[in-house]
N, C-alpha and C. Protein backbone atom coordinates (compact mmCIF):
# COMPACT_ATOMS: atom_id res chain seq x y z
N MET A 1 92.50 111.75 132.70
CA MET A 1 92.50 111.37 131.29
C MET A 1 93.82 111.73 130.64
N ARG A 2 94.32 112.95 130.91
CA ARG A 2 95.58 113.37 130.30
C ARG A 2 96.73 112.49 130.78
N MET A 3 96.70 112.11 132.04
CA MET A 3 97.76 111.24 132.55
C MET A 3 97.69 109.88 131.86
N HIS A 4 96.50 109.40 131.61
CA HIS A 4 96.34 108.11 130.92
C HIS A 4 96.85 108.21 129.47
N ILE A 5 96.56 109.33 128.82
CA ILE A 5 97.05 109.54 127.44
C ILE A 5 98.57 109.61 127.43
N ARG A 6 99.18 110.33 128.42
CA ARG A 6 100.65 110.39 128.51
C ARG A 6 101.23 109.00 128.74
N CYS A 7 100.57 108.22 129.57
CA CYS A 7 101.04 106.85 129.85
C CYS A 7 101.00 106.00 128.58
N LEU A 8 99.92 106.14 127.80
CA LEU A 8 99.81 105.39 126.55
C LEU A 8 100.85 105.85 125.53
N ASP A 9 101.11 107.17 125.48
CA ASP A 9 102.14 107.68 124.57
C ASP A 9 103.52 107.13 124.92
N GLU A 10 103.82 107.05 126.21
CA GLU A 10 105.10 106.48 126.65
C GLU A 10 105.18 105.00 126.28
N LEU A 11 104.09 104.30 126.42
CA LEU A 11 104.06 102.88 126.06
C LEU A 11 104.28 102.69 124.57
N ILE A 12 103.68 103.57 123.77
CA ILE A 12 103.88 103.51 122.32
C ILE A 12 105.34 103.79 121.98
N GLU A 13 105.95 104.77 122.63
CA GLU A 13 107.35 105.10 122.37
C GLU A 13 108.27 103.95 122.72
N THR A 14 108.03 103.29 123.86
CA THR A 14 108.89 102.16 124.23
C THR A 14 108.70 100.99 123.28
N THR A 15 107.47 100.77 122.84
CA THR A 15 107.22 99.70 121.88
C THR A 15 107.89 100.00 120.55
N ASP A 16 107.80 101.25 120.09
CA ASP A 16 108.48 101.64 118.85
C ASP A 16 109.99 101.45 118.97
N LEU A 17 110.55 101.77 120.13
CA LEU A 17 111.99 101.61 120.33
C LEU A 17 112.37 100.13 120.30
N GLN A 18 111.54 99.27 120.88
CA GLN A 18 111.81 97.83 120.86
C GLN A 18 111.75 97.29 119.43
N ILE A 19 110.76 97.75 118.67
CA ILE A 19 110.65 97.33 117.26
C ILE A 19 111.87 97.79 116.49
N TYR A 20 112.29 99.03 116.71
CA TYR A 20 113.45 99.58 116.01
C TYR A 20 114.71 98.79 116.33
N THR A 21 114.92 98.43 117.60
CA THR A 21 116.12 97.68 117.96
C THR A 21 116.08 96.27 117.39
N CYS A 22 114.91 95.68 117.31
CA CYS A 22 114.82 94.33 116.73
C CYS A 22 115.07 94.34 115.22
N LEU A 23 114.67 95.41 114.55
CA LEU A 23 114.78 95.45 113.09
C LEU A 23 116.08 96.08 112.59
N THR A 24 116.93 96.60 113.49
CA THR A 24 118.19 97.20 113.01
C THR A 24 119.11 96.15 112.42
N ALA A 25 119.02 94.91 112.90
CA ALA A 25 119.85 93.84 112.33
C ALA A 25 119.41 93.50 110.91
N GLU A 26 118.15 93.78 110.59
CA GLU A 26 117.60 93.47 109.27
C GLU A 26 117.48 94.71 108.40
N ASN A 27 118.27 95.73 108.68
CA ASN A 27 118.14 97.01 107.97
C ASN A 27 118.41 96.87 106.48
N ASP A 28 119.39 96.03 106.09
CA ASP A 28 119.69 95.87 104.65
C ASP A 28 118.54 95.18 103.93
N VAL A 29 117.87 94.24 104.59
CA VAL A 29 116.71 93.57 103.99
C VAL A 29 115.58 94.57 103.81
N LEU A 30 115.37 95.41 104.81
CA LEU A 30 114.32 96.42 104.72
C LEU A 30 114.60 97.39 103.57
N GLU A 31 115.85 97.80 103.42
CA GLU A 31 116.20 98.72 102.34
C GLU A 31 115.95 98.09 100.97
N ARG A 32 116.28 96.81 100.83
CA ARG A 32 116.04 96.13 99.55
C ARG A 32 114.56 95.95 99.29
N LEU A 33 113.76 95.66 100.32
CA LEU A 33 112.32 95.52 100.13
C LEU A 33 111.68 96.85 99.74
N MET A 34 112.25 97.95 100.22
CA MET A 34 111.69 99.26 99.90
C MET A 34 112.01 99.68 98.47
N THR A 35 112.81 98.89 97.73
CA THR A 35 113.02 99.18 96.31
C THR A 35 111.83 98.73 95.47
N ILE A 36 110.96 97.89 96.03
CA ILE A 36 109.74 97.47 95.32
C ILE A 36 108.79 98.67 95.30
N PRO A 37 108.23 99.01 94.14
CA PRO A 37 107.30 100.14 94.09
C PRO A 37 106.10 99.91 95.01
N GLY A 38 105.78 100.93 95.81
CA GLY A 38 104.64 100.85 96.69
C GLY A 38 104.95 100.34 98.08
N VAL A 39 106.13 99.78 98.30
CA VAL A 39 106.50 99.25 99.61
C VAL A 39 107.31 100.31 100.34
N GLY A 40 106.76 100.79 101.45
CA GLY A 40 107.42 101.78 102.27
C GLY A 40 108.06 101.15 103.50
N GLN A 41 108.50 101.99 104.40
CA GLN A 41 109.18 101.53 105.62
C GLN A 41 108.28 100.63 106.45
N GLN A 42 107.05 101.06 106.73
CA GLN A 42 106.16 100.26 107.57
C GLN A 42 105.77 98.95 106.91
N SER A 43 105.52 98.98 105.61
CA SER A 43 105.16 97.74 104.91
C SER A 43 106.32 96.76 104.91
N ALA A 44 107.53 97.26 104.71
CA ALA A 44 108.71 96.39 104.74
C ALA A 44 108.89 95.80 106.13
N GLU A 45 108.65 96.59 107.17
CA GLU A 45 108.75 96.08 108.52
C GLU A 45 107.72 94.99 108.79
N VAL A 46 106.50 95.17 108.29
CA VAL A 46 105.46 94.16 108.48
C VAL A 46 105.84 92.88 107.74
N ILE A 47 106.35 93.02 106.51
CA ILE A 47 106.73 91.83 105.73
C ILE A 47 107.82 91.06 106.46
N VAL A 48 108.86 91.75 106.92
CA VAL A 48 109.97 91.07 107.60
C VAL A 48 109.50 90.48 108.93
N SER A 49 108.68 91.21 109.67
CA SER A 49 108.25 90.69 110.97
C SER A 49 107.31 89.50 110.83
N GLU A 50 106.55 89.44 109.76
CA GLU A 50 105.60 88.34 109.60
C GLU A 50 106.22 87.09 108.97
N ILE A 51 107.09 87.27 107.97
CA ILE A 51 107.65 86.08 107.30
C ILE A 51 109.08 85.80 107.71
N GLY A 52 109.75 86.78 108.33
CA GLY A 52 111.13 86.57 108.75
C GLY A 52 112.10 86.73 107.59
N THR A 53 113.35 86.37 107.85
CA THR A 53 114.37 86.47 106.80
C THR A 53 114.93 85.12 106.41
N ASP A 54 114.46 84.05 107.04
CA ASP A 54 114.91 82.70 106.70
C ASP A 54 113.89 82.08 105.75
N MET A 55 114.22 82.07 104.46
CA MET A 55 113.29 81.56 103.46
C MET A 55 113.41 80.05 103.26
N SER A 56 114.27 79.40 104.05
CA SER A 56 114.38 77.94 103.91
C SER A 56 113.14 77.23 104.44
N LYS A 57 112.30 77.95 105.20
CA LYS A 57 111.04 77.36 105.69
C LYS A 57 110.06 77.11 104.56
N PHE A 58 110.21 77.88 103.48
CA PHE A 58 109.30 77.78 102.35
C PHE A 58 110.08 77.24 101.15
N PRO A 59 109.72 76.05 100.63
CA PRO A 59 110.47 75.50 99.49
C PRO A 59 110.41 76.38 98.25
N THR A 60 109.26 77.01 98.01
CA THR A 60 109.13 77.89 96.85
C THR A 60 108.39 79.15 97.28
N ALA A 61 108.38 80.12 96.39
CA ALA A 61 107.66 81.36 96.67
C ALA A 61 106.15 81.11 96.74
N HIS A 62 105.68 80.12 96.00
CA HIS A 62 104.25 79.83 96.01
C HIS A 62 103.81 79.17 97.32
N HIS A 63 104.72 78.46 97.98
CA HIS A 63 104.41 77.94 99.31
C HIS A 63 104.23 79.09 100.30
N LEU A 64 105.08 80.11 100.18
CA LEU A 64 104.94 81.30 101.02
C LEU A 64 103.61 81.99 100.76
N ALA A 65 103.24 82.14 99.50
CA ALA A 65 101.98 82.79 99.15
C ALA A 65 100.80 82.00 99.70
N SER A 66 100.88 80.70 99.66
CA SER A 66 99.82 79.87 100.20
C SER A 66 99.74 80.00 101.72
N TRP A 67 100.90 80.03 102.38
CA TRP A 67 100.93 80.19 103.82
C TRP A 67 100.35 81.54 104.23
N ALA A 68 100.64 82.57 103.45
CA ALA A 68 100.15 83.92 103.76
C ALA A 68 98.68 84.08 103.41
N GLY A 69 98.12 83.15 102.64
CA GLY A 69 96.71 83.24 102.27
C GLY A 69 96.46 84.24 101.17
N ILE A 70 97.45 84.48 100.34
CA ILE A 70 97.33 85.50 99.29
C ILE A 70 97.46 84.87 97.91
N CYS A 71 97.35 83.55 97.84
CA CYS A 71 97.44 82.89 96.54
C CYS A 71 96.04 82.84 95.91
N PRO A 72 95.99 82.78 94.60
CA PRO A 72 94.68 82.76 93.94
C PRO A 72 93.94 81.46 94.25
N GLY A 73 92.65 81.60 94.50
CA GLY A 73 91.83 80.43 94.76
C GLY A 73 91.44 79.74 93.48
N ASN A 74 91.26 78.43 93.54
CA ASN A 74 90.88 77.67 92.36
C ASN A 74 89.92 76.57 92.81
N ASN A 75 88.66 76.83 92.70
CA ASN A 75 87.65 75.86 93.11
C ASN A 75 86.84 75.50 91.87
N GLU A 76 87.12 74.31 91.33
CA GLU A 76 86.46 73.87 90.11
C GLU A 76 86.02 72.43 90.29
N SER A 77 84.83 72.14 89.81
CA SER A 77 84.33 70.79 89.88
C SER A 77 83.50 70.52 88.62
N ALA A 78 83.82 69.46 87.91
CA ALA A 78 83.12 69.04 86.70
C ALA A 78 83.10 70.15 85.66
N GLY A 79 84.20 70.90 85.56
CA GLY A 79 84.30 71.94 84.56
C GLY A 79 83.60 73.23 84.93
N LYS A 80 82.97 73.26 86.10
CA LYS A 80 82.26 74.46 86.53
C LYS A 80 83.10 75.16 87.60
N ARG A 81 83.34 76.46 87.39
CA ARG A 81 84.17 77.22 88.32
C ARG A 81 83.31 77.84 89.40
N TYR A 82 83.71 77.59 90.64
CA TYR A 82 83.04 78.16 91.79
C TYR A 82 83.89 79.30 92.36
N SER A 83 83.48 79.81 93.49
CA SER A 83 84.16 80.94 94.09
C SER A 83 85.64 80.63 94.31
N GLY A 84 86.49 81.55 93.91
CA GLY A 84 87.93 81.40 94.09
C GLY A 84 88.43 82.35 95.16
N ARG A 85 87.74 82.44 96.26
CA ARG A 85 88.12 83.36 97.33
C ARG A 85 89.44 82.95 97.95
N ILE A 86 90.15 83.95 98.47
CA ILE A 86 91.40 83.66 99.15
C ILE A 86 91.11 83.18 100.56
N ARG A 87 92.07 82.43 101.13
CA ARG A 87 91.88 81.87 102.46
C ARG A 87 92.03 82.93 103.54
N LYS A 88 91.50 82.62 104.70
CA LYS A 88 91.74 83.47 105.86
C LYS A 88 93.04 83.00 106.48
N ALA A 89 94.03 83.86 106.44
CA ALA A 89 95.34 83.49 106.99
C ALA A 89 95.91 84.73 107.67
N ASN A 90 97.13 85.05 107.41
CA ASN A 90 97.86 86.11 108.08
C ASN A 90 97.29 87.48 107.70
N ASN A 91 96.41 88.02 108.51
CA ASN A 91 95.72 89.26 108.19
C ASN A 91 96.64 90.47 108.15
N ASN A 92 97.63 90.53 109.05
CA ASN A 92 98.54 91.68 109.05
C ASN A 92 99.32 91.75 107.74
N LEU A 93 99.83 90.61 107.30
CA LEU A 93 100.60 90.57 106.06
C LEU A 93 99.71 90.87 104.86
N LYS A 94 98.51 90.28 104.83
CA LYS A 94 97.60 90.54 103.71
C LYS A 94 97.20 92.00 103.63
N THR A 95 96.96 92.63 104.77
CA THR A 95 96.58 94.04 104.79
C THR A 95 97.71 94.91 104.26
N ALA A 96 98.93 94.64 104.71
CA ALA A 96 100.08 95.44 104.26
C ALA A 96 100.31 95.26 102.76
N LEU A 97 100.20 94.03 102.28
CA LEU A 97 100.41 93.78 100.85
C LEU A 97 99.30 94.40 100.00
N ALA A 98 98.08 94.37 100.50
CA ALA A 98 96.97 94.98 99.76
C ALA A 98 97.14 96.50 99.69
N GLN A 99 97.64 97.11 100.76
CA GLN A 99 97.90 98.55 100.72
C GLN A 99 98.99 98.88 99.71
N CYS A 100 100.02 98.06 99.67
CA CYS A 100 101.10 98.26 98.68
C CYS A 100 100.55 98.12 97.27
N ALA A 101 99.66 97.18 97.07
CA ALA A 101 99.07 96.98 95.75
C ALA A 101 98.20 98.17 95.35
N LYS A 102 97.45 98.71 96.30
CA LYS A 102 96.62 99.89 96.00
C LYS A 102 97.48 101.09 95.64
N VAL A 103 98.64 101.23 96.28
CA VAL A 103 99.56 102.31 95.94
C VAL A 103 100.04 102.14 94.50
N ASN A 104 100.29 100.90 94.10
CA ASN A 104 100.75 100.65 92.73
C ASN A 104 99.68 100.95 91.70
N ALA A 105 98.42 100.94 92.11
CA ALA A 105 97.36 101.31 91.17
C ALA A 105 97.46 102.78 90.81
N LEU A 106 98.04 103.58 91.69
CA LEU A 106 98.16 105.01 91.45
C LEU A 106 99.50 105.42 90.86
N ARG A 107 100.50 104.57 90.97
CA ARG A 107 101.85 104.90 90.52
C ARG A 107 102.04 104.45 89.07
N ARG A 108 102.16 105.40 88.17
CA ARG A 108 102.27 105.11 86.73
C ARG A 108 103.70 104.73 86.36
N GLY A 109 103.81 104.00 85.26
CA GLY A 109 105.11 103.70 84.68
C GLY A 109 105.83 102.52 85.28
N THR A 110 105.14 101.67 86.04
CA THR A 110 105.78 100.51 86.64
C THR A 110 105.12 99.23 86.15
N TYR A 111 105.84 98.14 86.30
CA TYR A 111 105.33 96.83 85.93
C TYR A 111 104.08 96.49 86.75
N LEU A 112 104.14 96.77 88.07
CA LEU A 112 103.02 96.42 88.94
C LEU A 112 101.77 97.23 88.60
N ASN A 113 101.95 98.48 88.17
CA ASN A 113 100.82 99.29 87.74
C ASN A 113 100.19 98.71 86.48
N ALA A 114 101.04 98.30 85.54
CA ALA A 114 100.54 97.70 84.30
C ALA A 114 99.80 96.40 84.60
N GLN A 115 100.34 95.60 85.52
CA GLN A 115 99.67 94.36 85.89
C GLN A 115 98.32 94.64 86.53
N TYR A 116 98.27 95.63 87.41
CA TYR A 116 97.01 95.98 88.08
C TYR A 116 95.94 96.33 87.05
N TYR A 117 96.26 97.21 86.11
CA TYR A 117 95.24 97.66 85.16
C TYR A 117 94.88 96.59 84.14
N ARG A 118 95.80 95.70 83.80
CA ARG A 118 95.45 94.59 82.90
C ARG A 118 94.43 93.67 83.56
N ILE A 119 94.64 93.37 84.83
CA ILE A 119 93.74 92.46 85.54
C ILE A 119 92.44 93.16 85.91
N ALA A 120 92.53 94.44 86.32
CA ALA A 120 91.33 95.17 86.74
C ALA A 120 90.35 95.34 85.58
N ALA A 121 90.87 95.44 84.36
CA ALA A 121 89.99 95.59 83.20
C ALA A 121 89.15 94.33 82.98
N ARG A 122 89.71 93.17 83.28
CA ARG A 122 89.00 91.92 83.05
C ARG A 122 88.26 91.41 84.29
N ARG A 123 88.91 91.52 85.46
CA ARG A 123 88.39 90.86 86.65
C ARG A 123 87.89 91.79 87.75
N GLY A 124 88.19 93.07 87.65
CA GLY A 124 87.75 94.02 88.67
C GLY A 124 88.89 94.45 89.58
N PRO A 125 88.69 95.57 90.28
CA PRO A 125 89.79 96.13 91.08
C PRO A 125 90.17 95.29 92.30
N ASN A 126 89.22 94.60 92.92
CA ASN A 126 89.56 93.81 94.10
C ASN A 126 90.44 92.62 93.75
N ARG A 127 90.10 91.94 92.69
CA ARG A 127 90.93 90.80 92.27
C ARG A 127 92.28 91.26 91.77
N ALA A 128 92.31 92.43 91.14
CA ALA A 128 93.58 92.98 90.69
C ALA A 128 94.46 93.33 91.88
N THR A 129 93.86 93.84 92.94
CA THR A 129 94.62 94.17 94.14
C THR A 129 95.25 92.92 94.74
N ILE A 130 94.50 91.85 94.83
CA ILE A 130 95.03 90.60 95.39
C ILE A 130 96.12 90.03 94.47
N ALA A 131 95.93 90.12 93.16
CA ALA A 131 96.94 89.60 92.23
C ALA A 131 98.24 90.39 92.35
N VAL A 132 98.17 91.70 92.47
CA VAL A 132 99.38 92.50 92.62
C VAL A 132 100.01 92.26 93.99
N ALA A 133 99.20 92.08 95.03
CA ALA A 133 99.72 91.75 96.35
C ALA A 133 100.46 90.42 96.31
N HIS A 134 99.91 89.46 95.58
CA HIS A 134 100.57 88.16 95.40
C HIS A 134 101.92 88.35 94.71
N THR A 135 101.96 89.18 93.68
CA THR A 135 103.21 89.43 92.96
C THR A 135 104.23 90.11 93.87
N ILE A 136 103.79 91.06 94.69
CA ILE A 136 104.72 91.73 95.60
C ILE A 136 105.30 90.74 96.60
N LEU A 137 104.49 89.81 97.09
CA LEU A 137 104.98 88.80 98.03
C LEU A 137 105.99 87.87 97.35
N ILE A 138 105.73 87.49 96.11
CA ILE A 138 106.67 86.65 95.37
C ILE A 138 107.99 87.39 95.17
N ILE A 139 107.92 88.67 94.82
CA ILE A 139 109.12 89.49 94.65
C ILE A 139 109.88 89.58 95.96
N ALA A 140 109.16 89.81 97.07
CA ALA A 140 109.79 89.90 98.39
C ALA A 140 110.49 88.60 98.75
N TYR A 141 109.90 87.48 98.41
CA TYR A 141 110.52 86.18 98.69
C TYR A 141 111.89 86.09 98.02
N TYR A 142 111.95 86.43 96.75
CA TYR A 142 113.22 86.32 96.03
C TYR A 142 114.23 87.37 96.48
N ILE A 143 113.76 88.55 96.85
CA ILE A 143 114.66 89.58 97.35
C ILE A 143 115.29 89.14 98.66
N ILE A 144 114.49 88.57 99.56
CA ILE A 144 115.02 88.12 100.85
C ILE A 144 115.90 86.89 100.67
N ARG A 145 115.46 85.94 99.86
CA ARG A 145 116.22 84.69 99.70
C ARG A 145 117.55 84.90 98.99
N ASP A 146 117.52 85.67 97.89
CA ASP A 146 118.72 85.81 97.07
C ASP A 146 119.56 87.02 97.44
N GLY A 147 119.04 87.93 98.23
CA GLY A 147 119.80 89.12 98.60
C GLY A 147 119.95 90.11 97.46
N THR A 148 118.97 90.16 96.56
CA THR A 148 119.04 91.07 95.42
C THR A 148 118.10 92.25 95.64
N GLU A 149 118.18 93.21 94.73
CA GLU A 149 117.25 94.33 94.75
C GLU A 149 116.22 94.13 93.66
N TYR A 150 115.15 94.90 93.75
CA TYR A 150 114.07 94.82 92.77
C TYR A 150 114.54 95.40 91.44
N ARG A 151 114.24 94.69 90.36
CA ARG A 151 114.58 95.16 89.02
C ARG A 151 113.27 95.46 88.30
N GLU A 152 113.08 96.73 87.95
CA GLU A 152 111.85 97.17 87.30
C GLU A 152 111.80 96.69 85.86
N LEU A 153 110.69 96.08 85.47
CA LEU A 153 110.51 95.58 84.11
C LEU A 153 109.90 96.63 83.20
N GLY A 154 109.23 97.62 83.76
CA GLY A 154 108.63 98.69 82.96
C GLY A 154 107.17 98.44 82.67
N ASP A 155 106.47 99.52 82.35
CA ASP A 155 105.04 99.40 82.11
C ASP A 155 104.70 98.81 80.75
N ASN A 156 105.67 98.72 79.85
CA ASN A 156 105.40 98.12 78.54
C ASN A 156 105.88 96.67 78.47
N TYR A 157 106.13 96.04 79.61
CA TYR A 157 106.63 94.67 79.65
C TYR A 157 105.67 93.71 78.96
N PHE A 158 104.38 93.85 79.21
CA PHE A 158 103.41 92.92 78.64
C PHE A 158 103.28 93.12 77.13
N ASP A 159 103.42 94.36 76.66
CA ASP A 159 103.38 94.61 75.22
C ASP A 159 104.61 94.02 74.53
N GLU A 160 105.77 94.15 75.15
CA GLU A 160 107.00 93.61 74.57
C GLU A 160 107.01 92.09 74.60
N LEU A 161 106.31 91.51 75.57
CA LEU A 161 106.28 90.06 75.72
C LEU A 161 105.64 89.40 74.50
N LYS A 162 104.57 89.99 74.00
CA LYS A 162 103.86 89.44 72.85
C LYS A 162 103.68 90.55 71.82
N LYS A 163 104.79 90.98 71.26
CA LYS A 163 104.78 92.11 70.34
C LYS A 163 103.94 91.84 69.10
N GLU A 164 104.04 90.64 68.54
CA GLU A 164 103.31 90.30 67.32
C GLU A 164 101.80 90.33 67.56
N ALA A 165 101.38 89.86 68.73
CA ALA A 165 99.95 89.85 69.05
C ALA A 165 99.42 91.28 69.18
N VAL A 166 100.21 92.16 69.76
CA VAL A 166 99.79 93.56 69.91
C VAL A 166 99.67 94.21 68.54
N VAL A 167 100.63 93.93 67.65
CA VAL A 167 100.61 94.51 66.31
C VAL A 167 99.39 94.01 65.53
N SER A 168 99.17 92.69 65.55
CA SER A 168 98.05 92.15 64.77
C SER A 168 96.70 92.62 65.33
N ARG A 169 96.58 92.74 66.65
CA ARG A 169 95.35 93.23 67.26
C ARG A 169 95.09 94.68 66.85
N SER A 170 96.15 95.48 66.83
CA SER A 170 96.00 96.89 66.43
C SER A 170 95.62 97.01 64.96
N ILE A 171 96.22 96.19 64.10
CA ILE A 171 95.88 96.20 62.68
C ILE A 171 94.43 95.80 62.48
N ASN A 172 93.99 94.75 63.17
CA ASN A 172 92.60 94.30 63.03
C ASN A 172 91.61 95.35 63.52
N ARG A 173 91.95 96.08 64.57
CA ARG A 173 91.06 97.15 65.04
C ARG A 173 90.96 98.27 64.03
N LEU A 174 92.10 98.64 63.42
CA LEU A 174 92.08 99.69 62.41
C LEU A 174 91.30 99.26 61.18
N LYS A 175 91.45 98.00 60.78
CA LYS A 175 90.69 97.50 59.63
C LYS A 175 89.20 97.49 59.94
N ALA A 176 88.84 97.15 61.18
CA ALA A 176 87.43 97.13 61.56
C ALA A 176 86.83 98.54 61.55
N LEU A 177 87.67 99.54 61.73
CA LEU A 177 87.21 100.93 61.69
C LEU A 177 87.19 101.49 60.27
N GLY A 178 87.63 100.68 59.30
CA GLY A 178 87.54 101.10 57.91
C GLY A 178 88.85 101.63 57.32
N TYR A 179 89.95 101.50 58.00
CA TYR A 179 91.23 101.98 57.48
C TYR A 179 91.95 100.86 56.74
N GLU A 180 92.75 101.25 55.78
CA GLU A 180 93.61 100.30 55.08
C GLU A 180 95.01 100.45 55.66
N VAL A 181 95.59 99.35 56.11
CA VAL A 181 96.83 99.39 56.86
C VAL A 181 97.92 98.65 56.12
N SER A 182 99.10 99.29 56.02
CA SER A 182 100.28 98.60 55.52
C SER A 182 101.43 98.95 56.45
N LEU A 183 102.22 97.97 56.80
CA LEU A 183 103.31 98.16 57.76
C LEU A 183 104.65 98.02 57.07
N SER A 184 105.60 98.78 57.57
CA SER A 184 106.98 98.64 57.11
C SER A 184 107.87 98.80 58.34
N VAL A 185 108.92 98.02 58.40
CA VAL A 185 109.84 98.06 59.52
C VAL A 185 110.93 99.10 59.20
N PRO A 186 111.15 100.05 60.10
CA PRO A 186 112.20 101.06 59.84
C PRO A 186 113.58 100.44 59.84
N GLU A 187 114.43 100.94 58.97
CA GLU A 187 115.80 100.43 58.89
C GLU A 187 116.60 101.03 60.02
N THR A 188 117.45 100.21 60.63
CA THR A 188 118.30 100.71 61.70
C THR A 188 119.58 101.26 61.13
N VAL A 189 120.07 102.31 61.73
CA VAL A 189 121.27 102.99 61.23
C VAL A 189 122.50 102.39 61.83
């Protein structure tokens, strides 16, 4: 038994060495992918090994998401919405992206964390995980295609996007609680 375990350990070491030699040419791509919150070394390796570095195969990022089976489902007939389950496709890639999305659920102060909790509040944690995994794949597509690094938008991105709606919603909630609200904009120095 011990000899069999040693043999398996040696096989694992040689396989790891082969993977390492194959991915050394793509080291800069791996480093850029690891700038995405929640994406570590192994996840970046899975992403590169599954989709490659030639993005000309996919006309758009959404074609890549569809190929990976991580795009949102849309099954509607006569105005009635049916199950929007994701397709069965590349399981290794979907698993790695889902793990990255779950990590983002725990990491505060990032755009992906804010997106996760916005969606999880309305649709549940599983759908939020798939939505964040979809976003990570879209980000990875542009990072690989354009050769750029990830640019963090921040956890208040959605609030800044529709600032007036956030203000009016907050005022209406305070009025519903019985407060009288008046706003003034501070003068800038």
